Amino acid sequence: MRTVMTTADGIPFRDISVQDAILKLLSGKAIAVENHPELAFHSQHMEIPVPLRIQSLRYVKLPNHFYGPAKLSNINLFTRDNHYCKYCGAEENLTRDHVVPLSRGGKDVWENVVTSCTKCNNRKGDRTPEEAGMRLNIVPKPPVKLELIRKKADRRLHKVRGKKKKGKGKRK
């Protein structure tokens, strides 16, 4: 299990181990913003809830590359598109779809790729969405790295909140 660490402004900027997060809390370098609803670490004299998100009490200057364009990968593409097909809204069997197919001169760039389910990708085939009679729900654009970091952190926290009695640590 990992903990999201945010700047003093609340901007997620890195994942750290739960143990490192607890050390930062105990040393006064951070405060807990959100804890796991069921998991905690126990010692002889105290019980510490497992932190899901902590906030640094010190100013953290984010490097310039956090504000630059993100690398194109399926993980980043699915994160940009919120993990659902941009044609039908499905959340299963996701793939990368080239709006203008590579075989027709399209490029493998952010502005030409969207998340698609296998069914829609096969239906579209080697055509543009217009030629296939399909409506694209977004205009693809390149995301900034910081935007993806925020989305990934929020998605991971959402998954943890939805799980019951999973992860390391002892239950309350």
C-alpha atoms as a PDB file:
ATOM      1  CA  MET A   1       0.000   0.000   0.000  1.00  0.00           C
ATOM      2  CA  ARG A   2       1.229   3.487  -0.839  1.00  0.00           C
ATOM      3  CA  THR A   3       0.413   6.955   0.479  1.00  0.00           C
ATOM      4  CA  VAL A   4      -0.086  10.046  -1.664  1.00  0.00           C
ATOM      5  CA  MET A   5       2.017  12.983  -0.488  1.00  0.00           C
ATOM      6  CA  THR A   6       0.808  16.454  -1.403  1.00  0.00           C
ATOM      7  CA  THR A   7       2.412  19.878  -1.266  1.00  0.00           C
ATOM      8  CA  ALA A   8       1.268  22.403   1.332  1.00  0.00           C
ATOM      9  CA  ASP A   9      -1.129  23.607  -1.398  1.00  0.00           C
ATOM     10  CA  GLY A  10      -2.657  20.123  -1.691  1.00  0.00           C
ATOM     11  CA  ILE A  11      -1.083  19.212  -5.047  1.00  0.00           C
ATOM     12  CA  PRO A  12      -0.209  15.488  -5.213  1.00  0.00           C
ATOM     13  CA  PHE A  13       3.433  15.114  -6.185  1.00  0.00           C
ATOM     14  CA  ARG A  14       4.637  11.666  -5.137  1.00  0.00           C
ATOM     15  CA  ASP A  15       3.743   8.290  -3.722  1.00  0.00           C
ATOM     16  CA  ILE A  16       5.594   7.122  -0.641  1.00  0.00           C
ATOM     17  CA  SER A  17       5.456   3.990   1.452  1.00  0.00           C
ATOM     18  CA  VAL A  18       3.030   3.915   4.375  1.00  0.00           C
ATOM     19  CA  GLN A  19       6.005   3.540   6.721  1.00  0.00           C
ATOM     20  CA  ASP A  20       7.644   6.708   5.353  1.00  0.00           C
ATOM     21  CA  ALA A  21       4.315   8.529   5.635  1.00  0.00           C
ATOM     22  CA  ILE A  22       3.977   7.557   9.300  1.00  0.00           C
ATOM     23  CA  LEU A  23       7.547   8.721   9.968  1.00  0.00           C
ATOM     24  CA  LYS A  24       6.727  12.104   8.399  1.00  0.00           C
ATOM     25  CA  LEU A  25       3.584  12.350  10.532  1.00  0.00           C
ATOM     26  CA  LEU A  26       5.386  11.432  13.764  1.00  0.00           C
ATOM     27  CA  SER A  27       8.283  13.812  13.046  1.00  0.00           C
ATOM     28  CA  GLY A  28       5.890  16.710  12.406  1.00  0.00           C
ATOM     29  CA  LYS A  29       6.837  17.156   8.740  1.00  0.00           C
ATOM     30  CA  ALA A  30       3.323  16.381   7.477  1.00  0.00           C
ATOM     31  CA  ILE A  31      -0.286  16.075   8.554  1.00  0.00           C
ATOM     32  CA  ALA A  32      -2.765  13.335   7.672  1.00  0.00           C
ATOM     33  CA  VAL A  33      -5.441  14.531   5.264  1.00  0.00           C
ATOM     34  CA  GLU A  34      -7.166  11.186   4.775  1.00  0.00           C
ATOM     35  CA  ASN A  35      -6.800   7.850   6.552  1.00  0.00           C
ATOM     36  CA  HIS A  36      -7.831   4.337   5.610  1.00  0.00           C
ATOM     37  CA  PRO A  37     -11.266   3.690   7.130  1.00  0.00           C
ATOM     38  CA  GLU A  38     -10.339   0.275   8.549  1.00  0.00           C
ATOM     39  CA  LEU A  39      -6.576  -0.231   8.718  1.00  0.00           C
ATOM     40  CA  ALA A  40      -4.206   0.925  11.444  1.00  0.00           C
ATOM     41  CA  PHE A  41      -0.767   0.168  12.831  1.00  0.00           C
ATOM     42  CA  HIS A  42      -0.667  -0.755  16.505  1.00  0.00           C
ATOM     43  CA  SER A  43       2.103  -0.482  19.056  1.00  0.00           C
ATOM     44  CA  GLN A  44       2.062  -1.123  22.770  1.00  0.00           C
ATOM     45  CA  HIS A  45       1.030   2.474  23.524  1.00  0.00           C
ATOM     46  CA  MET A  46      -0.599   3.864  20.395  1.00  0.00           C
ATOM     47  CA  GLU A  47      -2.667   3.162  17.345  1.00  0.00           C
ATOM     48  CA  ILE A  48      -1.902   4.997  14.092  1.00  0.00           C
ATOM     49  CA  PRO A  49      -4.442   4.916  11.251  1.00  0.00           C
ATOM     50  CA  VAL A  50      -2.929   4.025   7.873  1.00  0.00           C
ATOM     51  CA  PRO A  51      -2.630   7.338   5.998  1.00  0.00           C
ATOM     52  CA  LEU A  52      -3.923   7.412   2.420  1.00  0.00           C
ATOM     53  CA  ARG A  53      -3.006  11.066   1.798  1.00  0.00           C
ATOM     54  CA  ILE A  54      -0.634  13.298   3.741  1.00  0.00           C
ATOM     55  CA  GLN A  55       0.173  16.968   3.262  1.00  0.00           C
ATOM     56  CA  SER A  56       3.655  18.389   3.653  1.00  0.00           C
ATOM     57  CA  LEU A  57       3.933  21.237   6.138  1.00  0.00           C
ATOM     58  CA  ARG A  58       6.919  22.631   4.262  1.00  0.00           C
ATOM     59  CA  TYR A  59       6.860  24.409   0.930  1.00  0.00           C
ATOM     60  CA  VAL A  60       7.772  22.021  -1.893  1.00  0.00           C
ATOM     61  CA  LYS A  61       8.839  23.552  -5.184  1.00  0.00           C
ATOM     62  CA  LEU A  62       7.753  21.232  -7.954  1.00  0.00           C
ATOM     63  CA  PRO A  63      10.314  20.737 -10.731  1.00  0.00           C
ATOM     64  CA  ASN A  64       9.555  22.377 -14.074  1.00  0.00           C
ATOM     65  CA  HIS A  65       9.029  19.001 -15.763  1.00  0.00           C
ATOM     66  CA  PHE A  66       5.811  18.562 -13.718  1.00  0.00           C
ATOM     67  CA  TYR A  67       4.305  21.327 -15.849  1.00  0.00           C
ATOM     68  CA  GLY A  68       5.475  19.968 -19.200  1.00  0.00           C
ATOM     69  CA  PRO A  69       3.762  17.582 -21.587  1.00  0.00           C
ATOM     70  CA  ALA A  70       3.350  13.988 -20.464  1.00  0.00           C
ATOM     71  CA  LYS A  71       4.874  11.031 -22.276  1.00  0.00           C
ATOM     72  CA  LEU A  72       2.391   9.175 -24.477  1.00  0.00           C
ATOM     73  CA  SER A  73       1.779   5.702 -23.063  1.00  0.00           C
ATOM     74  CA  ASN A  74      -1.345   3.575 -22.647  1.00  0.00           C
ATOM     75  CA  ILE A  75      -1.357   4.155 -18.881  1.00  0.00           C
ATOM     76  CA  ASN A  76      -1.175   7.930 -19.356  1.00  0.00           C
ATOM     77  CA  LEU A  77      -3.723   7.805 -22.191  1.00  0.00           C
ATOM     78  CA  PHE A  78      -6.229   5.830 -20.108  1.00  0.00           C
ATOM     79  CA  THR A  79      -5.647   8.228 -17.197  1.00  0.00           C
ATOM     80  CA  ARG A  80      -6.232  11.279 -19.413  1.00  0.00           C
ATOM     81  CA  ASP A  81      -9.465   9.705 -20.689  1.00  0.00           C
ATOM     82  CA  ASN A  82     -10.613   8.636 -17.187  1.00  0.00           C
ATOM     83  CA  HIS A  83     -10.421   4.914 -18.033  1.00  0.00           C
ATOM     84  CA  TYR A  84     -13.431   4.714 -20.311  1.00  0.00           C
ATOM     85  CA  CYS A  85     -14.066   4.388 -24.033  1.00  0.00           C
ATOM     86  CA  LYS A  86     -14.462   7.765 -25.712  1.00  0.00           C
ATOM     87  CA  TYR A  87     -16.973   6.314 -28.179  1.00  0.00           C
ATOM     88  CA  CYS A  88     -19.405   4.311 -26.011  1.00  0.00           C
ATOM     89  CA  GLY A  89     -18.325   4.876 -22.392  1.00  0.00           C
ATOM     90  CA  ALA A  90     -17.352   1.244 -21.653  1.00  0.00           C
ATOM     91  CA  GLU A  91     -14.764   0.656 -18.902  1.00  0.00           C
ATOM     92  CA  GLU A  92     -13.593  -2.845 -19.894  1.00  0.00           C
ATOM     93  CA  ASN A  93     -11.056  -4.108 -22.467  1.00  0.00           C
ATOM     94  CA  LEU A  94      -9.557  -0.694 -23.190  1.00  0.00           C
ATOM     95  CA  THR A  95      -7.153  -0.084 -26.081  1.00  0.00           C
ATOM     96  CA  ARG A  96      -5.470   2.821 -27.846  1.00  0.00           C
ATOM     97  CA  ASP A  97      -7.340   4.041 -30.919  1.00  0.00           C
ATOM     98  CA  HIS A  98      -5.849   6.330 -33.541  1.00  0.00           C
ATOM     99  CA  VAL A  99      -8.515   8.804 -34.666  1.00  0.00           C
ATOM    100  CA  VAL A 100      -6.826   9.012 -38.067  1.00  0.00           C
ATOM    101  CA  PRO A 101      -5.398   5.507 -38.558  1.00  0.00           C
ATOM    102  CA  LEU A 102      -1.620   5.142 -38.859  1.00  0.00           C
ATOM    103  CA  SER A 103      -2.110   3.425 -42.230  1.00  0.00           C
ATOM    104  CA  ARG A 104      -3.832   6.577 -43.497  1.00  0.00           C
ATOM    105  CA  GLY A 105      -1.113   8.996 -42.411  1.00  0.00           C
ATOM    106  CA  GLY A 106      -2.173   9.535 -38.797  1.00  0.00           C
ATOM    107  CA  LYS A 107       0.515  10.044 -36.190  1.00  0.00           C
ATOM    108  CA  ASP A 108       1.021   8.388 -32.809  1.00  0.00           C
ATOM    109  CA  VAL A 109       0.611  11.664 -30.899  1.00  0.00           C
ATOM    110  CA  TRP A 110      -1.710  12.862 -28.115  1.00  0.00           C
ATOM    111  CA  GLU A 111      -3.891  14.812 -30.553  1.00  0.00           C
ATOM    112  CA  ASN A 112      -4.619  11.657 -32.587  1.00  0.00           C
ATOM    113  CA  VAL A 113      -5.215   8.993 -29.908  1.00  0.00           C
ATOM    114  CA  VAL A 114      -8.112   8.204 -27.591  1.00  0.00           C
ATOM    115  CA  THR A 115      -9.081   5.404 -25.263  1.00  0.00           C
ATOM    116  CA  SER A 116     -11.399   2.931 -26.956  1.00  0.00           C
ATOM    117  CA  CYS A 117     -12.899  -0.412 -25.976  1.00  0.00           C
ATOM    118  CA  THR A 118     -11.977  -3.359 -28.170  1.00  0.00           C
ATOM    119  CA  LYS A 119     -15.500  -3.520 -29.612  1.00  0.00           C
ATOM    120  CA  CYS A 120     -15.501   0.122 -30.763  1.00  0.00           C
ATOM    121  CA  ASN A 121     -11.906  -0.081 -31.992  1.00  0.00           C
ATOM    122  CA  ASN A 122     -12.752  -3.115 -34.138  1.00  0.00           C
ATOM    123  CA  ARG A 123     -15.970  -1.499 -35.381  1.00  0.00           C
ATOM    124  CA  LYS A 124     -14.087   1.648 -36.416  1.00  0.00           C
ATOM    125  CA  GLY A 125     -11.351  -0.381 -38.062  1.00  0.00           C
ATOM    126  CA  ASP A 126      -9.167   1.434 -40.583  1.00  0.00           C
ATOM    127  CA  ARG A 127     -11.504   4.427 -40.876  1.00  0.00           C
ATOM    128  CA  THR A 128     -11.992   7.800 -39.241  1.00  0.00           C
ATOM    129  CA  PRO A 129     -14.856   8.098 -36.729  1.00  0.00           C
ATOM    130  CA  GLU A 130     -16.921  10.041 -39.297  1.00  0.00           C
ATOM    131  CA  GLU A 131     -16.467   7.350 -41.946  1.00  0.00           C
ATOM    132  CA  ALA A 132     -17.476   4.670 -39.416  1.00  0.00           C
ATOM    133  CA  GLY A 133     -20.533   6.666 -38.289  1.00  0.00           C
ATOM    134  CA  MET A 134     -19.171   6.956 -34.746  1.00  0.00           C
ATOM    135  CA  ARG A 135     -19.179  10.024 -32.503  1.00  0.00           C
ATOM    136  CA  LEU A 136     -16.030  10.871 -30.538  1.00  0.00           C
ATOM    137  CA  ASN A 137     -16.875  12.344 -27.114  1.00  0.00           C
ATOM    138  CA  ILE A 138     -13.747  14.522 -26.777  1.00  0.00           C
ATOM    139  CA  VAL A 139     -11.246  16.509 -28.774  1.00  0.00           C
ATOM    140  CA  PRO A 140      -7.939  14.781 -27.941  1.00  0.00           C
ATOM    141  CA  LYS A 141      -5.240  17.044 -26.521  1.00  0.00           C
ATOM    142  CA  PRO A 142      -1.945  16.489 -24.726  1.00  0.00           C
ATOM    143  CA  PRO A 143      -2.195  16.517 -20.921  1.00  0.00           C
ATOM    144  CA  VAL A 144       0.258  18.200 -18.568  1.00  0.00           C
ATOM    145  CA  LYS A 145       2.152  15.770 -16.289  1.00  0.00           C
ATOM    146  CA  LEU A 146       0.719  17.371 -13.156  1.00  0.00           C
ATOM    147  CA  GLU A 147      -2.836  16.752 -14.415  1.00  0.00           C
ATOM    148  CA  LEU A 148      -2.060  13.031 -14.829  1.00  0.00           C
ATOM    149  CA  ILE A 149      -0.426  12.827 -11.392  1.00  0.00           C
ATOM    150  CA  ARG A 150      -3.569  14.277  -9.812  1.00  0.00           C
ATOM    151  CA  LYS A 151      -5.877  11.941 -11.726  1.00  0.00           C
ATOM    152  CA  LYS A 152      -3.773   8.862 -10.869  1.00  0.00           C
ATOM    153  CA  ALA A 153      -3.704   9.792  -7.168  1.00  0.00           C
ATOM    154  CA  ASP A 154      -7.459  10.405  -7.079  1.00  0.00           C
ATOM    155  CA  ARG A 155      -8.186   7.142  -8.892  1.00  0.00           C
ATOM    156  CA  ARG A 156      -5.966   5.160  -6.524  1.00  0.00           C
ATOM    157  CA  LEU A 157      -7.595   6.749  -3.463  1.00  0.00           C
ATOM    158  CA  HIS A 158     -11.044   6.069  -4.914  1.00  0.00           C
ATOM    159  CA  LYS A 159     -10.123   2.384  -5.362  1.00  0.00           C
ATOM    160  CA  VAL A 160      -8.838   2.119  -1.775  1.00  0.00           C
ATOM    161  CA  ARG A 161     -11.980   3.741  -0.384  1.00  0.00           C
ATOM    162  CA  GLY A 162     -14.080   1.200  -2.260  1.00  0.00           C
ATOM    163  CA  LYS A 163     -12.178  -1.852  -0.981  1.00  0.00           C
ATOM    164  CA  LYS A 164     -13.012  -3.518   2.294  1.00  0.00           C
ATOM    165  CA  LYS A 165     -10.420  -5.156   4.530  1.00  0.00           C
ATOM    166  CA  LYS A 166      -7.628  -5.164   1.918  1.00  0.00           C
ATOM    167  CA  GLY A 167      -3.993  -4.173   2.211  1.00  0.00           C
ATOM    168  CA  LYS A 168      -1.261  -4.474   4.769  1.00  0.00           C
ATOM    169  CA  GLY A 169      -1.605  -3.536   8.392  1.00  0.00           C
ATOM    170  CA  LYS A 170      -3.920  -4.606  11.135  1.00  0.00           C
ATOM    171  CA  ARG A 171      -7.644  -4.008  11.220  1.00  0.00           C
ATOM    172  CA  LYS A 172      -9.183  -1.812  13.888  1.00  0.00           C
END
